[in-house]
């Protein structure tokens, strides 16, 4: 561009029109009246406190069910497969393929493995620092608070009890989605829309797994927040339908998100 050249009249920027009275104020953040929290790796460190133990129980179950390998070998391979992809479908498939399990027997061994994984006995558990502050904080602001867990319902109830959440007054209700898909997370979310808050834009879903609670929440038009950590922290969304509206690294960041928490 030649120095000193003036802009021609046709290229001069036009003066902006004064903002309308309605547009002068800053838009209000979205209103949240209902919050749904996933349990595992959202409110407590399931990865650090249970995952390796659960894979060991799965390895023991597969060895006892006839897989031609030692518990140590099966466990080692499960953890190798976990590093590639933490989803159980991948891990069980990898183990069966590696040990040349006949196609007709893979479903049986996978079923046994899954049952052992999800029913691993529950010991002492502790919540993430900040979990209770978030639950109680949004409750004080007038938000309905729900917790949704997935797995073997009896084991999940034992986890909830070990964490003290069944005695936590800030929680309105705890739902249990099961691995047999009799009750799914999406079905729970639909129930909340029917009975608690009919406007999905006023419902916030907080979880760690893109293909589970994030996908279910987005499918119903809810606001979604992914806590990036735990068992599925390296799992990437498989499309826009699994991409959360926000990502956070600690649970207490929920209260700092650009929302209005309250009943109206």
Protein backbone atom coordinates (compact mmCIF):
# COMPACT_ATOMS: atom_id res chain seq x y z
CA UNK A 1 0.00 0.00 0.00
CA UNK A 2 1.41 3.46 -0.92
CA UNK A 3 2.15 5.59 2.11
CA UNK A 4 -0.02 8.64 2.62
CA UNK A 5 -2.82 7.50 0.29
CA UNK A 6 -6.22 8.55 1.53
CA UNK A 7 -9.13 6.23 1.51
CA UNK A 8 -11.66 6.90 -1.19
CA UNK A 9 -15.17 7.88 -0.08
CA UNK A 10 -16.45 4.44 -1.01
CA UNK A 11 -14.05 2.71 1.42
CA UNK A 12 -14.61 4.96 4.42
CA UNK A 13 -16.12 3.15 7.37
CA UNK A 14 -19.68 4.12 8.05
CA UNK A 15 -20.52 5.46 11.49
CA UNK A 16 -22.23 2.88 13.66
CA UNK A 17 -25.84 3.40 14.52
CA UNK A 18 -26.47 4.09 18.19
CA UNK A 19 -27.31 0.93 20.06
CA UNK A 20 -30.96 0.54 20.87
CA UNK A 21 -31.99 1.01 24.46
CA UNK A 22 -32.66 -2.73 24.76
CA UNK A 23 -29.22 -3.62 23.40
CA UNK A 24 -27.17 -1.26 25.54
CA UNK A 25 -27.13 -3.49 28.58
CA UNK A 26 -24.97 -6.58 28.69
CA UNK A 27 -26.89 -9.77 27.99
CA UNK A 28 -27.63 -11.82 31.06
CA UNK A 29 -25.89 -15.20 31.40
CA UNK A 30 -28.11 -18.26 30.84
CA UNK A 31 -30.27 -19.25 33.78
CA UNK A 32 -29.72 -22.66 35.39
CA UNK A 33 -32.44 -24.00 37.68
CA UNK A 34 -31.46 -27.69 37.69
CA UNK A 35 -28.01 -29.32 37.87
CA UNK A 36 -27.23 -32.96 37.14
CA UNK A 37 -23.89 -34.34 38.33
CA UNK A 38 -22.34 -37.60 37.20
CA UNK A 39 -20.79 -39.63 40.03
CA UNK A 40 -17.64 -41.48 38.93
CA UNK A 41 -14.68 -39.18 38.13
CA UNK A 42 -16.93 -36.14 38.51
CA UNK A 43 -17.64 -35.96 42.23
CA UNK A 44 -14.86 -38.34 43.31
CA UNK A 45 -11.68 -39.87 41.86
CA UNK A 46 -12.94 -43.21 40.59
CA UNK A 47 -9.84 -43.63 38.42
CA UNK A 48 -7.43 -43.27 41.33
CA UNK A 49 -9.50 -45.12 43.92
CA UNK A 50 -11.12 -47.98 41.97
CA UNK A 51 -10.21 -48.50 38.31
CA UNK A 52 -7.02 -50.57 38.62
CA UNK A 53 -8.63 -52.72 41.31
CA UNK A 54 -11.69 -53.26 39.13
CA UNK A 55 -9.52 -54.36 36.20
CA UNK A 56 -7.73 -56.80 38.53
CA UNK A 57 -11.07 -58.28 39.59
CA UNK A 58 -12.01 -58.59 35.91
CA UNK A 59 -8.72 -60.38 35.19
CA UNK A 60 -9.34 -62.85 38.05
CA UNK A 61 -12.85 -63.54 36.78
CA UNK A 62 -11.65 -64.17 33.21
CA UNK A 63 -8.92 -66.56 34.39
CA UNK A 64 -11.38 -68.46 36.59
CA UNK A 65 -13.82 -68.64 33.65
CA UNK A 66 -11.26 -70.48 31.52
CA UNK A 67 -9.23 -67.86 29.67
CA UNK A 68 -5.91 -69.61 28.93
CA UNK A 69 -3.63 -67.18 30.78
CA UNK A 70 -2.60 -66.20 34.29
CA UNK A 71 -4.27 -63.41 36.22
CA UNK A 72 -1.03 -61.42 35.99
CA UNK A 73 -0.90 -61.79 32.20
CA UNK A 74 -4.55 -60.84 31.75
CA UNK A 75 -4.27 -57.85 34.07
CA UNK A 76 -1.11 -56.62 32.33
CA UNK A 77 -2.81 -56.84 28.93
CA UNK A 78 -5.95 -55.11 30.22
CA UNK A 79 -3.88 -52.16 31.42
CA UNK A 80 -2.01 -52.02 28.11
CA UNK A 81 -5.33 -51.96 26.26
CA UNK A 82 -6.59 -49.31 28.69
CA UNK A 83 -3.74 -47.01 27.63
CA UNK A 84 -4.90 -47.36 24.02
CA UNK A 85 -8.60 -46.84 24.75
CA UNK A 86 -10.15 -46.87 28.25
CA UNK A 87 -13.56 -48.12 27.10
CA UNK A 88 -14.39 -51.66 28.24
CA UNK A 89 -15.57 -52.74 24.79
CA UNK A 90 -12.05 -52.18 23.45
CA UNK A 91 -10.30 -53.76 26.45
CA UNK A 92 -12.34 -56.98 26.50
CA UNK A 93 -12.06 -57.35 22.73
CA UNK A 94 -8.29 -56.87 22.86
CA UNK A 95 -7.90 -59.51 25.58
CA UNK A 96 -10.03 -62.06 23.74
CA UNK A 97 -8.19 -61.50 20.48
CA UNK A 98 -4.74 -61.69 22.07
CA UNK A 99 -5.46 -65.00 23.80
CA UNK A 100 -7.27 -66.39 20.73
CA UNK A 101 -10.61 -66.92 22.45
CA UNK A 102 -13.00 -68.69 20.04
CA UNK A 103 -15.65 -66.35 18.64
CA UNK A 104 -18.43 -68.37 20.24
CA UNK A 105 -16.97 -67.92 23.71
CA UNK A 106 -16.12 -64.22 23.61
CA UNK A 107 -19.55 -63.00 24.61
CA UNK A 108 -19.55 -65.22 27.71
CA UNK A 109 -16.09 -64.11 28.85
CA UNK A 110 -16.89 -60.46 28.18
CA UNK A 111 -20.09 -60.72 30.23
CA UNK A 112 -18.16 -62.30 33.12
CA UNK A 113 -15.45 -59.65 32.89
CA UNK A 114 -17.94 -56.77 32.90
CA UNK A 115 -19.83 -58.17 35.86
CA UNK A 116 -16.61 -58.49 37.88
CA UNK A 117 -15.49 -55.00 36.88
CA UNK A 118 -18.72 -53.30 37.88
CA UNK A 119 -19.26 -55.29 41.10
CA UNK A 120 -15.77 -54.81 42.55
CA UNK A 121 -16.27 -54.48 46.33
CA UNK A 122 -16.44 -50.92 47.61
CA UNK A 123 -14.01 -49.82 50.30
CA UNK A 124 -13.26 -46.40 51.70
CA UNK A 125 -13.84 -43.57 49.20
CA UNK A 126 -13.42 -39.81 49.37
CA UNK A 127 -14.91 -36.96 47.35
CA UNK A 128 -12.89 -34.53 45.29
CA UNK A 129 -11.96 -31.39 47.23
CA UNK A 130 -14.65 -28.90 46.32
CA UNK A 131 -17.42 -31.36 45.44
CA UNK A 132 -19.50 -30.58 48.52
CA UNK A 133 -18.86 -26.85 48.10
CA UNK A 134 -20.31 -27.01 44.58
CA UNK A 135 -23.32 -29.15 45.52
CA UNK A 136 -24.13 -26.97 48.50
CA UNK A 137 -23.30 -23.75 46.69
CA UNK A 138 -25.72 -24.25 43.80
CA UNK A 139 -28.36 -25.55 46.23
CA UNK A 140 -28.12 -22.36 48.29
CA UNK A 141 -28.77 -20.39 45.11
CA UNK A 142 -32.06 -22.24 44.60
CA UNK A 143 -30.95 -24.90 42.10
CA UNK A 144 -32.37 -28.43 42.16
CA UNK A 145 -29.48 -30.91 42.47
CA UNK A 146 -29.48 -34.45 41.09
CA UNK A 147 -26.74 -37.09 40.94
CA UNK A 148 -26.71 -39.83 38.30
CA UNK A 149 -24.49 -42.91 38.48
CA UNK A 150 -23.92 -45.76 36.03
CA UNK A 151 -23.01 -49.39 36.67
CA UNK A 152 -24.24 -52.17 38.90
CA UNK A 153 -26.94 -50.43 41.00
CA UNK A 154 -26.06 -52.27 44.22
CA UNK A 155 -22.37 -51.36 43.88
CA UNK A 156 -23.19 -47.77 42.94
CA UNK A 157 -25.37 -47.45 46.03
CA UNK A 158 -22.45 -48.73 48.11
CA UNK A 159 -20.23 -46.04 46.54
CA UNK A 160 -22.79 -43.35 47.30
CA UNK A 161 -22.99 -44.54 50.90
CA UNK A 162 -19.18 -44.68 51.27
CA UNK A 163 -18.99 -41.09 50.00
CA UNK A 164 -21.77 -39.94 52.33
CA UNK A 165 -23.87 -38.62 49.45
CA UNK A 166 -26.95 -40.58 50.53
CA UNK A 167 -26.96 -38.38 53.63
CA UNK A 168 -26.16 -35.11 51.87
CA UNK A 169 -29.10 -32.65 52.22
CA UNK A 170 -28.10 -30.57 49.18
CA UNK A 171 -28.95 -33.47 46.83
CA UNK A 172 -32.61 -33.75 45.82
CA UNK A 173 -32.35 -37.25 44.37
CA UNK A 174 -29.80 -39.85 43.21
CA UNK A 175 -30.58 -41.88 40.09
CA UNK A 176 -29.00 -45.23 39.18
CA UNK A 177 -28.53 -46.06 35.49
CA UNK A 178 -27.60 -49.71 34.99
CA UNK A 179 -25.18 -51.50 32.69
CA UNK A 180 -28.04 -53.61 31.31
CA UNK A 181 -29.59 -50.42 29.90
CA UNK A 182 -32.87 -51.06 31.70
CA UNK A 183 -32.48 -47.48 32.89
CA UNK A 184 -30.13 -45.31 30.81
CA UNK A 185 -28.73 -41.87 31.62
CA UNK A 186 -30.77 -40.38 28.78
CA UNK A 187 -33.92 -41.95 30.25
CA UNK A 188 -33.05 -40.36 33.61
CA UNK A 189 -32.52 -36.98 31.95
CA UNK A 190 -35.89 -37.24 30.20
CA UNK A 191 -37.53 -38.03 33.53
CA UNK A 192 -35.98 -34.89 35.03
CA UNK A 193 -37.36 -32.85 32.12
CA UNK A 194 -40.82 -34.29 32.75
CA UNK A 195 -40.82 -33.87 36.50
CA UNK A 196 -38.43 -31.08 37.49
CA UNK A 197 -37.54 -28.61 34.72
CA UNK A 198 -39.25 -28.74 31.32
CA UNK A 199 -36.87 -26.26 29.67
CA UNK A 200 -33.65 -28.16 28.81
CA UNK A 201 -31.71 -24.90 28.43
CA UNK A 202 -32.10 -24.41 32.17
CA UNK A 203 -30.58 -27.80 32.98
CA UNK A 204 -26.83 -28.16 33.47
CA UNK A 205 -25.16 -31.57 33.07
CA UNK A 206 -21.70 -32.00 34.61
CA UNK A 207 -19.76 -35.17 33.78
CA UNK A 208 -16.51 -36.59 32.47
CA UNK A 209 -17.48 -38.89 29.61
CA UNK A 210 -18.23 -37.43 26.15
CA UNK A 211 -20.04 -40.52 24.85
CA UNK A 212 -22.28 -40.87 27.90
CA UNK A 213 -23.72 -38.00 29.97
CA UNK A 214 -22.36 -35.25 27.69
CA UNK A 215 -23.88 -36.83 24.58
CA UNK A 216 -27.19 -37.55 26.35
CA UNK A 217 -27.42 -34.00 27.69
CA UNK A 218 -26.66 -32.40 24.35
CA UNK A 219 -29.16 -34.63 22.55
CA UNK A 220 -31.87 -33.20 24.80
CA UNK A 221 -30.73 -29.59 24.46
CA UNK A 222 -29.21 -29.24 27.93
CA UNK A 223 -26.14 -27.19 28.87
CA UNK A 224 -23.09 -29.42 29.31
CA UNK A 225 -19.80 -29.22 31.20
CA UNK A 226 -17.04 -31.80 30.95
CA UNK A 227 -14.69 -32.35 33.87
CA UNK A 228 -11.48 -33.27 32.04
CA UNK A 229 -9.80 -35.90 34.17
CA UNK A 230 -10.02 -39.43 35.47
CA UNK A 231 -10.57 -42.64 33.56
CA UNK A 232 -11.72 -41.01 30.32
CA UNK A 233 -9.63 -37.84 30.31
CA UNK A 234 -7.89 -38.74 27.03
CA UNK A 235 -11.11 -39.74 25.29
CA UNK A 236 -11.86 -37.30 22.48
CA UNK A 237 -15.39 -36.35 21.40
CA UNK A 238 -16.45 -38.26 18.30
CA UNK A 239 -18.25 -35.29 16.83
CA UNK A 240 -20.18 -32.18 17.77
CA UNK A 241 -22.79 -34.30 19.56
CA UNK A 242 -20.15 -35.24 22.19
CA UNK A 243 -18.48 -31.82 22.51
CA UNK A 244 -19.36 -30.18 25.83
CA UNK A 245 -20.20 -26.48 26.01
CA UNK A 246 -17.44 -26.00 28.60
CA UNK A 247 -14.45 -28.01 29.85
CA UNK A 248 -13.03 -27.66 33.36
CA UNK A 249 -10.17 -29.37 35.21
CA UNK A 250 -11.57 -29.14 38.75
CA UNK A 251 -15.12 -29.51 40.02
CA UNK A 252 -15.12 -26.22 41.92
CA UNK A 253 -14.82 -24.37 38.59
CA UNK A 254 -18.54 -25.04 38.04
CA UNK A 255 -19.43 -22.07 40.24
CA UNK A 256 -17.22 -19.79 38.12
CA UNK A 257 -18.91 -20.60 34.80
CA UNK A 258 -20.94 -17.87 33.04
CA UNK A 259 -24.36 -18.98 34.29
CA UNK A 260 -26.98 -17.54 36.59
CA UNK A 261 -27.76 -20.17 39.17
CA UNK A 262 -31.17 -19.87 40.76
CA UNK A 263 -34.86 -20.60 40.58
CA UNK A 264 -35.76 -17.68 38.29
